[in-house]
Amino acid sequence: MDLGIAGRWALVCGASKGLGLGCAQALAQEGVNVVMAARGAEALVRAADTLRADTGVQVLPVAADVTTPEGREALFTVAGGPGRSFDIVVTNAGGPPPGDFRQWDREEWIRAVDANMLTPIELIKATVDGMAERGFGRIVNITSSAVKAPIDILGLSNGARSGLTGFVAGVARSGIAARGVTINNLLPGKFDTDRLRATQSGAAQKLGKSLEEVRAAQMAQIPARRFGSPQEFGAICAFLCSVQAGYINGQNILPDGGAFPGTF
């Protein structure tokens, strides 16, 4: 299937590895030019060089902290980039650390909200009106399955990402929807990434078990009996960014191998 987005420009955050990299790869394979953002310059440049060589599209790495105004401005001013005229924006930030809510102070909550709620909102605010003026736009926020089924040790993530979900539910249904712009959330379940291993390590420590035991137990709870791959996650993201997905808007898509036990 031709997704109809070749030649467009995408901004993908957290793109040096994991789910962000999976999204950047899938979009580039569809002929989309990509500005890749991440904080770690070495891994980012290496990923960008590989992606450029594999696909032949324009790939611009920007090592920046997108949770800061300066970092976001770097994305919009990178040489050769589209400025603020992105057609596709994939927001993504590393999740807050796991732990016991009794141990988190106000500053830790503010950091979580800033990274996982306010930063995506700022990126949406900076790009959505231009998308509407041009008649096409796709915004995909990578959040977490914890929005739908909260995880006790991820309280910071549960709270901040749920706030973003509520915001998106409103703005996606505003006047931009009639002007060719969609905003959706991708709520990944257990995908085999560094983030997953970090949360599993936290669970192992809390339960007094080995990491291998925790991974095996979690895998057994997934009907697919495996963890997802960043590549298949990226393929879902690319479809949501396609012309064919123009009637999917304001939705929370849950790729989790069937782990969520509810009907809705």
C-alpha atoms as a PDB file:
ATOM      1  CA  MET A   1       0.000   0.000   0.000  1.00  0.00           C
ATOM      2  CA  ASP A   2       1.258   3.451  -0.935  1.00  0.00           C
ATOM      3  CA  LEU A   3       0.612   5.597   2.145  1.00  0.00           C
ATOM      4  CA  GLY A   4       0.633   8.778   0.073  1.00  0.00           C
ATOM      5  CA  ILE A   5       3.101  10.679   2.248  1.00  0.00           C
ATOM      6  CA  ALA A   6       6.327  10.484   0.224  1.00  0.00           C
ATOM      7  CA  GLY A   7       8.150  13.796   0.086  1.00  0.00           C
ATOM      8  CA  ARG A   8       6.569  15.183   3.246  1.00  0.00           C
ATOM      9  CA  TRP A   9       8.505  16.243   6.337  1.00  0.00           C
ATOM     10  CA  ALA A  10       8.218  14.544   9.715  1.00  0.00           C
ATOM     11  CA  LEU A  11       9.542  15.417  13.134  1.00  0.00           C
ATOM     12  CA  VAL A  12      10.161  12.351  15.296  1.00  0.00           C
ATOM     13  CA  CYS A  13      11.196  12.820  18.915  1.00  0.00           C
ATOM     14  CA  GLY A  14      13.154  10.292  20.931  1.00  0.00           C
ATOM     15  CA  ALA A  15      14.288   8.932  17.592  1.00  0.00           C
ATOM     16  CA  SER A  16      17.747   7.557  18.352  1.00  0.00           C
ATOM     17  CA  LYS A  17      16.463   4.177  19.566  1.00  0.00           C
ATOM     18  CA  GLY A  18      13.425   2.207  20.636  1.00  0.00           C
ATOM     19  CA  LEU A  19       9.933   3.138  19.540  1.00  0.00           C
ATOM     20  CA  GLY A  20      10.946   6.562  18.241  1.00  0.00           C
ATOM     21  CA  LEU A  21      13.546   5.031  15.971  1.00  0.00           C
ATOM     22  CA  GLY A  22      10.997   2.469  14.787  1.00  0.00           C
ATOM     23  CA  CYS A  23       8.676   5.318  13.775  1.00  0.00           C
ATOM     24  CA  ALA A  24      11.453   7.236  12.013  1.00  0.00           C
ATOM     25  CA  GLN A  25      12.450   4.104  10.083  1.00  0.00           C
ATOM     26  CA  ALA A  26       8.889   3.336   8.988  1.00  0.00           C
ATOM     27  CA  LEU A  27       8.252   6.904   7.823  1.00  0.00           C
ATOM     28  CA  ALA A  28      11.555   7.140   5.963  1.00  0.00           C
ATOM     29  CA  GLN A  29      10.804   3.852   4.204  1.00  0.00           C
ATOM     30  CA  GLU A  30       7.645   5.536   2.900  1.00  0.00           C
ATOM     31  CA  GLY A  31       9.732   8.354   1.409  1.00  0.00           C
ATOM     32  CA  VAL A  32       9.180  10.853   4.217  1.00  0.00           C
ATOM     33  CA  ASN A  33      12.008  13.254   5.070  1.00  0.00           C
ATOM     34  CA  VAL A  34      12.732  13.133   8.788  1.00  0.00           C
ATOM     35  CA  VAL A  35      14.101  15.440  11.448  1.00  0.00           C
ATOM     36  CA  MET A  36      15.223  13.079  14.196  1.00  0.00           C
ATOM     37  CA  ALA A  37      15.467  14.470  17.707  1.00  0.00           C
ATOM     38  CA  ALA A  38      17.078  12.949  20.782  1.00  0.00           C
ATOM     39  CA  ARG A  39      19.378  14.034  23.587  1.00  0.00           C
ATOM     40  CA  GLY A  40      22.223  11.597  22.967  1.00  0.00           C
ATOM     41  CA  ALA A  41      24.193  12.881  19.981  1.00  0.00           C
ATOM     42  CA  GLU A  42      26.318   9.813  19.287  1.00  0.00           C
ATOM     43  CA  ALA A  43      23.486   7.283  19.040  1.00  0.00           C
ATOM     44  CA  LEU A  44      21.329   9.792  17.171  1.00  0.00           C
ATOM     45  CA  VAL A  45      23.892  10.569  14.477  1.00  0.00           C
ATOM     46  CA  ARG A  46      24.629   6.872  14.022  1.00  0.00           C
ATOM     47  CA  ALA A  47      20.915   6.082  13.612  1.00  0.00           C
ATOM     48  CA  ALA A  48      20.419   8.991  11.205  1.00  0.00           C
ATOM     49  CA  ASP A  49      23.377   7.992   9.035  1.00  0.00           C
ATOM     50  CA  THR A  50      22.065   4.435   8.760  1.00  0.00           C
ATOM     51  CA  LEU A  51      18.547   5.581   7.943  1.00  0.00           C
ATOM     52  CA  ARG A  52      19.747   8.023   5.294  1.00  0.00           C
ATOM     53  CA  ALA A  53      21.877   5.357   3.636  1.00  0.00           C
ATOM     54  CA  ASP A  54      19.072   2.786   3.715  1.00  0.00           C
ATOM     55  CA  THR A  55      16.283   4.984   2.353  1.00  0.00           C
ATOM     56  CA  GLY A  56      17.814   7.902   0.439  1.00  0.00           C
ATOM     57  CA  VAL A  57      15.495  10.473   2.047  1.00  0.00           C
ATOM     58  CA  GLN A  58      16.659  13.597   3.835  1.00  0.00           C
ATOM     59  CA  VAL A  59      17.425  12.760   7.463  1.00  0.00           C
ATOM     60  CA  LEU A  60      18.487  15.554   9.818  1.00  0.00           C
ATOM     61  CA  PRO A  61      19.604  14.632  13.344  1.00  0.00           C
ATOM     62  CA  VAL A  62      19.152  17.272  16.038  1.00  0.00           C
ATOM     63  CA  ALA A  63      20.692  16.501  19.430  1.00  0.00           C
ATOM     64  CA  ALA A  64      18.487  18.540  21.736  1.00  0.00           C
ATOM     65  CA  ASP A  65      16.352  18.320  24.831  1.00  0.00           C
ATOM     66  CA  VAL A  66      12.843  18.904  23.479  1.00  0.00           C
ATOM     67  CA  THR A  67      11.514  19.518  26.976  1.00  0.00           C
ATOM     68  CA  THR A  68      13.209  22.941  26.872  1.00  0.00           C
ATOM     69  CA  PRO A  69      12.276  25.969  24.722  1.00  0.00           C
ATOM     70  CA  GLU A  70      15.829  26.028  23.366  1.00  0.00           C
ATOM     71  CA  GLY A  71      15.655  22.386  22.374  1.00  0.00           C
ATOM     72  CA  ARG A  72      12.372  22.839  20.546  1.00  0.00           C
ATOM     73  CA  GLU A  73      13.677  25.903  18.751  1.00  0.00           C
ATOM     74  CA  ALA A  74      16.644  23.853  17.524  1.00  0.00           C
ATOM     75  CA  LEU A  75      14.215  21.501  15.783  1.00  0.00           C
ATOM     76  CA  PHE A  76      12.532  24.371  13.965  1.00  0.00           C
ATOM     77  CA  THR A  77      15.753  26.064  12.882  1.00  0.00           C
ATOM     78  CA  VAL A  78      17.908  23.128  11.775  1.00  0.00           C
ATOM     79  CA  ALA A  79      19.594  23.857   8.460  1.00  0.00           C
ATOM     80  CA  GLY A  80      17.780  22.194   5.576  1.00  0.00           C
ATOM     81  CA  GLY A  81      14.689  21.465   7.632  1.00  0.00           C
ATOM     82  CA  PRO A  82      11.130  22.686   7.064  1.00  0.00           C
ATOM     83  CA  GLY A  83      11.104  25.203   9.904  1.00  0.00           C
ATOM     84  CA  ARG A  84       7.741  24.901  11.614  1.00  0.00           C
ATOM     85  CA  SER A  85       6.116  23.509   8.478  1.00  0.00           C
ATOM     86  CA  PHE A  86       6.130  19.860   9.473  1.00  0.00           C
ATOM     87  CA  ASP A  87       3.457  17.672   7.918  1.00  0.00           C
ATOM     88  CA  ILE A  88       3.910  14.944  10.529  1.00  0.00           C
ATOM     89  CA  VAL A  89       4.886  15.235  14.188  1.00  0.00           C
ATOM     90  CA  VAL A  90       5.564  12.242  16.418  1.00  0.00           C
ATOM     91  CA  THR A  91       5.935  13.297  20.033  1.00  0.00           C
ATOM     92  CA  ASN A  92       7.849  11.007  22.331  1.00  0.00           C
ATOM     93  CA  ALA A  93       9.748  11.492  25.565  1.00  0.00           C
ATOM     94  CA  GLY A  94      11.414   9.107  27.941  1.00  0.00           C
ATOM     95  CA  GLY A  95       9.075   8.051  30.696  1.00  0.00           C
ATOM     96  CA  PRO A  96       9.589   9.117  34.303  1.00  0.00           C
ATOM     97  CA  PRO A  97      11.297   6.668  36.658  1.00  0.00           C
ATOM     98  CA  PRO A  98       9.268   3.978  38.411  1.00  0.00           C
ATOM     99  CA  GLY A  99       8.839   4.048  42.157  1.00  0.00           C
ATOM    100  CA  ASP A 100       6.558   4.605  45.129  1.00  0.00           C
ATOM    101  CA  PHE A 101       4.433   7.757  44.954  1.00  0.00           C
ATOM    102  CA  ARG A 102       5.169   8.418  48.633  1.00  0.00           C
ATOM    103  CA  GLN A 103       8.765   9.169  47.712  1.00  0.00           C
ATOM    104  CA  TRP A 104       8.090  11.692  44.906  1.00  0.00           C
ATOM    105  CA  ASP A 105       8.260  15.372  45.705  1.00  0.00           C
ATOM    106  CA  ARG A 106       6.720  18.277  43.790  1.00  0.00           C
ATOM    107  CA  GLU A 107       9.764  18.757  41.577  1.00  0.00           C
ATOM    108  CA  GLU A 108       9.637  15.170  40.358  1.00  0.00           C
ATOM    109  CA  TRP A 109       5.968  15.606  39.467  1.00  0.00           C
ATOM    110  CA  ILE A 110       6.706  18.852  37.628  1.00  0.00           C
ATOM    111  CA  ARG A 111       9.465  17.173  35.601  1.00  0.00           C
ATOM    112  CA  ALA A 112       7.120  14.338  34.637  1.00  0.00           C
ATOM    113  CA  VAL A 113       4.310  16.677  33.614  1.00  0.00           C
ATOM    114  CA  ASP A 114       6.713  18.919  31.715  1.00  0.00           C
ATOM    115  CA  ALA A 115       8.209  16.056  29.698  1.00  0.00           C
ATOM    116  CA  ASN A 116       5.162  13.882  29.107  1.00  0.00           C
ATOM    117  CA  MET A 117       2.332  16.410  28.922  1.00  0.00           C
ATOM    118  CA  LEU A 118       3.460  19.984  28.406  1.00  0.00           C
ATOM    119  CA  THR A 119       6.221  19.291  25.859  1.00  0.00           C
ATOM    120  CA  PRO A 120       3.910  17.437  23.436  1.00  0.00           C
ATOM    121  CA  ILE A 121       1.379  20.242  23.847  1.00  0.00           C
ATOM    122  CA  GLU A 122       4.034  22.824  22.961  1.00  0.00           C
ATOM    123  CA  LEU A 123       5.002  20.862  19.833  1.00  0.00           C
ATOM    124  CA  ILE A 124       1.361  20.585  18.816  1.00  0.00           C
ATOM    125  CA  LYS A 125       0.846  24.299  19.394  1.00  0.00           C
ATOM    126  CA  ALA A 126       3.880  25.181  17.276  1.00  0.00           C
ATOM    127  CA  THR A 127       2.861  23.099  14.249  1.00  0.00           C
ATOM    128  CA  VAL A 128      -0.870  22.390  14.132  1.00  0.00           C
ATOM    129  CA  ASP A 129      -2.077  25.716  12.693  1.00  0.00           C
ATOM    130  CA  GLY A 130       0.402  25.503   9.811  1.00  0.00           C
ATOM    131  CA  MET A 131      -0.807  21.988   9.077  1.00  0.00           C
ATOM    132  CA  ALA A 132      -4.398  23.237   8.991  1.00  0.00           C
ATOM    133  CA  GLU A 133      -3.495  26.073   6.628  1.00  0.00           C
ATOM    134  CA  ARG A 134      -1.849  23.617   4.231  1.00  0.00           C
ATOM    135  CA  GLY A 135      -4.745  21.161   4.503  1.00  0.00           C
ATOM    136  CA  PHE A 136      -2.803  18.155   5.793  1.00  0.00           C
ATOM    137  CA  GLY A 137      -1.302  17.154   9.108  1.00  0.00           C
ATOM    138  CA  ARG A 138      -0.733  14.113  11.243  1.00  0.00           C
ATOM    139  CA  ILE A 139       0.244  14.243  14.908  1.00  0.00           C
ATOM    140  CA  VAL A 140       0.909  11.025  16.790  1.00  0.00           C
ATOM    141  CA  ASN A 141       1.722  11.080  20.488  1.00  0.00           C
ATOM    142  CA  ILE A 142       3.537   8.065  21.875  1.00  0.00           C
ATOM    143  CA  THR A 143       2.156   7.634  25.377  1.00  0.00           C
ATOM    144  CA  SER A 144       1.704   4.324  27.212  1.00  0.00           C
ATOM    145  CA  SER A 145      -0.723   1.490  27.780  1.00  0.00           C
ATOM    146  CA  ALA A 146      -0.612   2.688  31.394  1.00  0.00           C
ATOM    147  CA  VAL A 147      -3.035   5.437  30.359  1.00  0.00           C
ATOM    148  CA  LYS A 148      -5.679   2.736  29.864  1.00  0.00           C
ATOM    149  CA  ALA A 149      -4.491   0.239  32.464  1.00  0.00           C
ATOM    150  CA  PRO A 150      -2.396   2.084  35.097  1.00  0.00           C
ATOM    151  CA  ILE A 151       0.733   0.406  36.440  1.00  0.00           C
ATOM    152  CA  ASP A 152       1.290   0.933  40.150  1.00  0.00           C
ATOM    153  CA  ILE A 153       5.015   1.692  40.022  1.00  0.00           C
ATOM    154  CA  LEU A 154       4.565   4.133  37.112  1.00  0.00           C
ATOM    155  CA  GLY A 155       2.460   6.727  38.902  1.00  0.00           C
ATOM    156  CA  LEU A 156       4.368   9.667  37.432  1.00  0.00           C
ATOM    157  CA  SER A 157       3.767   8.353  33.927  1.00  0.00           C
ATOM    158  CA  ASN A 158       0.141   7.415  34.646  1.00  0.00           C
ATOM    159  CA  GLY A 159      -0.659  10.937  35.757  1.00  0.00           C
ATOM    160  CA  ALA A 160       1.272  13.000  33.217  1.00  0.00           C
ATOM    161  CA  ARG A 161       0.315  10.960  30.163  1.00  0.00           C
ATOM    162  CA  SER A 162      -3.342  10.840  31.188  1.00  0.00           C
ATOM    163  CA  GLY A 163      -3.286  14.636  31.268  1.00  0.00           C
ATOM    164  CA  LEU A 164      -2.002  14.715  27.687  1.00  0.00           C
ATOM    165  CA  THR A 165      -4.687  12.237  26.651  1.00  0.00           C
ATOM    166  CA  GLY A 166      -7.415  14.481  28.000  1.00  0.00           C
ATOM    167  CA  PHE A 167      -5.974  17.502  26.212  1.00  0.00           C
ATOM    168  CA  VAL A 168      -5.756  15.661  22.884  1.00  0.00           C
ATOM    169  CA  ALA A 169      -9.338  14.436  23.200  1.00  0.00           C
ATOM    170  CA  GLY A 170     -10.488  18.043  23.050  1.00  0.00           C
ATOM    171  CA  VAL A 171      -8.156  19.633  20.527  1.00  0.00           C
ATOM    172  CA  ALA A 172      -8.429  16.759  18.022  1.00  0.00           C
ATOM    173  CA  ARG A 173     -12.157  17.442  17.780  1.00  0.00           C
ATOM    174  CA  SER A 174     -11.804  21.175  17.304  1.00  0.00           C
ATOM    175  CA  GLY A 175     -11.841  23.011  13.958  1.00  0.00           C
ATOM    176  CA  ILE A 176      -8.571  21.452  12.795  1.00  0.00           C
ATOM    177  CA  ALA A 177     -10.266  18.120  12.089  1.00  0.00           C
ATOM    178  CA  ALA A 178     -12.199  19.619   9.178  1.00  0.00           C
ATOM    179  CA  ARG A 179      -8.983  20.991   7.716  1.00  0.00           C
ATOM    180  CA  GLY A 180      -7.184  17.692   7.175  1.00  0.00           C
ATOM    181  CA  VAL A 181      -5.374  17.423  10.503  1.00  0.00           C
ATOM    182  CA  THR A 182      -5.625  14.401  12.786  1.00  0.00           C
ATOM    183  CA  ILE A 183      -4.208  13.882  16.258  1.00  0.00           C
ATOM    184  CA  ASN A 184      -4.029  10.400  17.738  1.00  0.00           C
ATOM    185  CA  ASN A 185      -2.250   8.662  20.593  1.00  0.00           C
ATOM    186  CA  LEU A 186      -0.338   5.403  20.409  1.00  0.00           C
ATOM    187  CA  LEU A 187      -0.387   3.561  23.734  1.00  0.00           C
ATOM    188  CA  PRO A 188       2.349   0.925  23.525  1.00  0.00           C
ATOM    189  CA  GLY A 189       2.129  -2.148  25.663  1.00  0.00           C
ATOM    190  CA  LYS A 190       5.265  -4.153  26.283  1.00  0.00           C
ATOM    191  CA  PHE A 191       7.691  -3.558  23.434  1.00  0.00           C
ATOM    192  CA  ASP A 192      11.252  -4.841  23.733  1.00  0.00           C
ATOM    193  CA  THR A 193      13.053  -1.567  24.413  1.00  0.00           C
ATOM    194  CA  ASP A 194      15.476  -0.151  26.967  1.00  0.00           C
ATOM    195  CA  ARG A 195      12.503   1.481  28.707  1.00  0.00           C
ATOM    196  CA  LEU A 196      10.800  -1.866  29.177  1.00  0.00           C
ATOM    197  CA  ARG A 197      13.932  -3.392  30.655  1.00  0.00           C
ATOM    198  CA  ALA A 198      14.226  -0.464  33.067  1.00  0.00           C
ATOM    199  CA  THR A 199      10.701  -0.943  34.375  1.00  0.00           C
ATOM    200  CA  GLN A 200      11.249  -4.688  34.568  1.00  0.00           C
ATOM    201  CA  SER A 201      14.402  -4.130  36.583  1.00  0.00           C
ATOM    202  CA  GLY A 202      12.411  -1.954  38.972  1.00  0.00           C
ATOM    203  CA  ALA A 203       9.752  -4.641  39.291  1.00  0.00           C
ATOM    204  CA  ALA A 204      12.390  -7.311  39.852  1.00  0.00           C
ATOM    205  CA  GLN A 205      13.941  -5.306  42.667  1.00  0.00           C
ATOM    206  CA  LYS A 206      10.558  -4.687  44.270  1.00  0.00           C
ATOM    207  CA  LEU A 207       9.549  -8.357  44.035  1.00  0.00           C
ATOM    208  CA  GLY A 208      12.946  -9.802  44.917  1.00  0.00           C
ATOM    209  CA  LYS A 209      13.139 -11.744  41.660  1.00  0.00           C
ATOM    210  CA  SER A 210      15.581 -11.913  38.781  1.00  0.00           C
ATOM    211  CA  LEU A 211      15.085  -9.852  35.639  1.00  0.00           C
ATOM    212  CA  GLU A 212      14.679 -13.047  33.621  1.00  0.00           C
ATOM    213  CA  GLU A 213      11.897 -14.249  35.912  1.00  0.00           C
ATOM    214  CA  VAL A 214      10.051 -10.954  35.604  1.00  0.00           C
ATOM    215  CA  ARG A 215      10.376 -10.929  31.814  1.00  0.00           C
ATOM    216  CA  ALA A 216       9.132 -14.495  31.516  1.00  0.00           C
ATOM    217  CA  ALA A 217       6.175 -13.803  33.801  1.00  0.00           C
ATOM    218  CA  GLN A 218       5.197 -10.687  31.852  1.00  0.00           C
ATOM    219  CA  MET A 219       5.493 -12.446  28.529  1.00  0.00           C
ATOM    220  CA  ALA A 220       3.236 -15.240  29.787  1.00  0.00           C
ATOM    221  CA  GLN A 221       0.506 -12.659  30.495  1.00  0.00           C
ATOM    222  CA  ILE A 222       0.450 -11.442  26.882  1.00  0.00           C
ATOM    223  CA  PRO A 223      -1.828 -13.480  24.592  1.00  0.00           C
ATOM    224  CA  ALA A 224       0.722 -13.103  21.795  1.00  0.00           C
ATOM    225  CA  ARG A 225       3.313 -14.650  24.179  1.00  0.00           C
ATOM    226  CA  ARG A 226       5.976 -12.167  23.148  1.00  0.00           C
ATOM    227  CA  PHE A 227       7.007  -8.548  23.436  1.00  0.00           C
ATOM    228  CA  GLY A 228       6.445  -6.258  20.484  1.00  0.00           C
ATOM    229  CA  SER A 229       9.206  -4.937  18.236  1.00  0.00           C
ATOM    230  CA  PRO A 230       9.922  -1.263  17.525  1.00  0.00           C
ATOM    231  CA  GLN A 231       9.596  -2.015  13.802  1.00  0.00           C
ATOM    232  CA  GLU A 232       5.990  -3.181  14.049  1.00  0.00           C
ATOM    233  CA  PHE A 233       5.190  -0.231  16.283  1.00  0.00           C
ATOM    234  CA  GLY A 234       6.671   2.089  13.668  1.00  0.00           C
ATOM    235  CA  ALA A 235       4.488   0.522  10.988  1.00  0.00           C
ATOM    236  CA  ILE A 236       1.370   1.361  13.002  1.00  0.00           C
ATOM    237  CA  CYS A 237       2.594   4.920  13.422  1.00  0.00           C
ATOM    238  CA  ALA A 238       3.278   5.276   9.695  1.00  0.00           C
ATOM    239  CA  PHE A 239      -0.239   4.113   8.859  1.00  0.00           C
ATOM    240  CA  LEU A 240      -1.754   6.674  11.248  1.00  0.00           C
ATOM    241  CA  CYS A 241       0.245   9.287   9.337  1.00  0.00           C
ATOM    242  CA  SER A 242      -1.033   8.109   5.958  1.00  0.00           C
ATOM    243  CA  VAL A 243      -3.654   9.665   3.710  1.00  0.00           C
ATOM    244  CA  GLN A 244      -5.726   6.503   4.223  1.00  0.00           C
ATOM    245  CA  ALA A 245      -5.966   7.210   7.969  1.00  0.00           C
ATOM    246  CA  GLY A 246      -7.594  10.609   7.535  1.00  0.00           C
ATOM    247  CA  TYR A 247     -10.820   9.416   9.204  1.00  0.00           C
ATOM    248  CA  ILE A 248      -9.023   8.195  12.343  1.00  0.00           C
ATOM    249  CA  ASN A 249      -8.899  11.105  14.757  1.00  0.00           C
ATOM    250  CA  GLY A 250      -8.782  11.651  18.506  1.00  0.00           C
ATOM    251  CA  GLN A 251      -8.226   7.959  19.139  1.00  0.00           C
ATOM    252  CA  ASN A 252      -6.110   5.998  21.600  1.00  0.00           C
ATOM    253  CA  ILE A 253      -4.617   3.043  19.748  1.00  0.00           C
ATOM    254  CA  LEU A 254      -3.446   0.221  22.023  1.00  0.00           C
ATOM    255  CA  PRO A 255      -0.891  -2.157  20.452  1.00  0.00           C
ATOM    256  CA  ASP A 256      -0.214  -4.577  23.289  1.00  0.00           C
ATOM    257  CA  GLY A 257      -0.473  -8.106  21.903  1.00  0.00           C
ATOM    258  CA  GLY A 258      -3.950  -8.443  23.408  1.00  0.00           C
ATOM    259  CA  ALA A 259      -2.830  -7.890  27.016  1.00  0.00           C
ATOM    260  CA  PHE A 260      -5.560  -5.402  27.968  1.00  0.00           C
ATOM    261  CA  PRO A 261      -8.433  -7.521  29.326  1.00  0.00           C
ATOM    262  CA  GLY A 262     -11.288  -5.086  28.732  1.00  0.00           C
ATOM    263  CA  THR A 263     -13.782  -4.786  25.892  1.00  0.00           C
ATOM    264  CA  PHE A 264     -13.304  -1.054  25.307  1.00  0.00           C
END
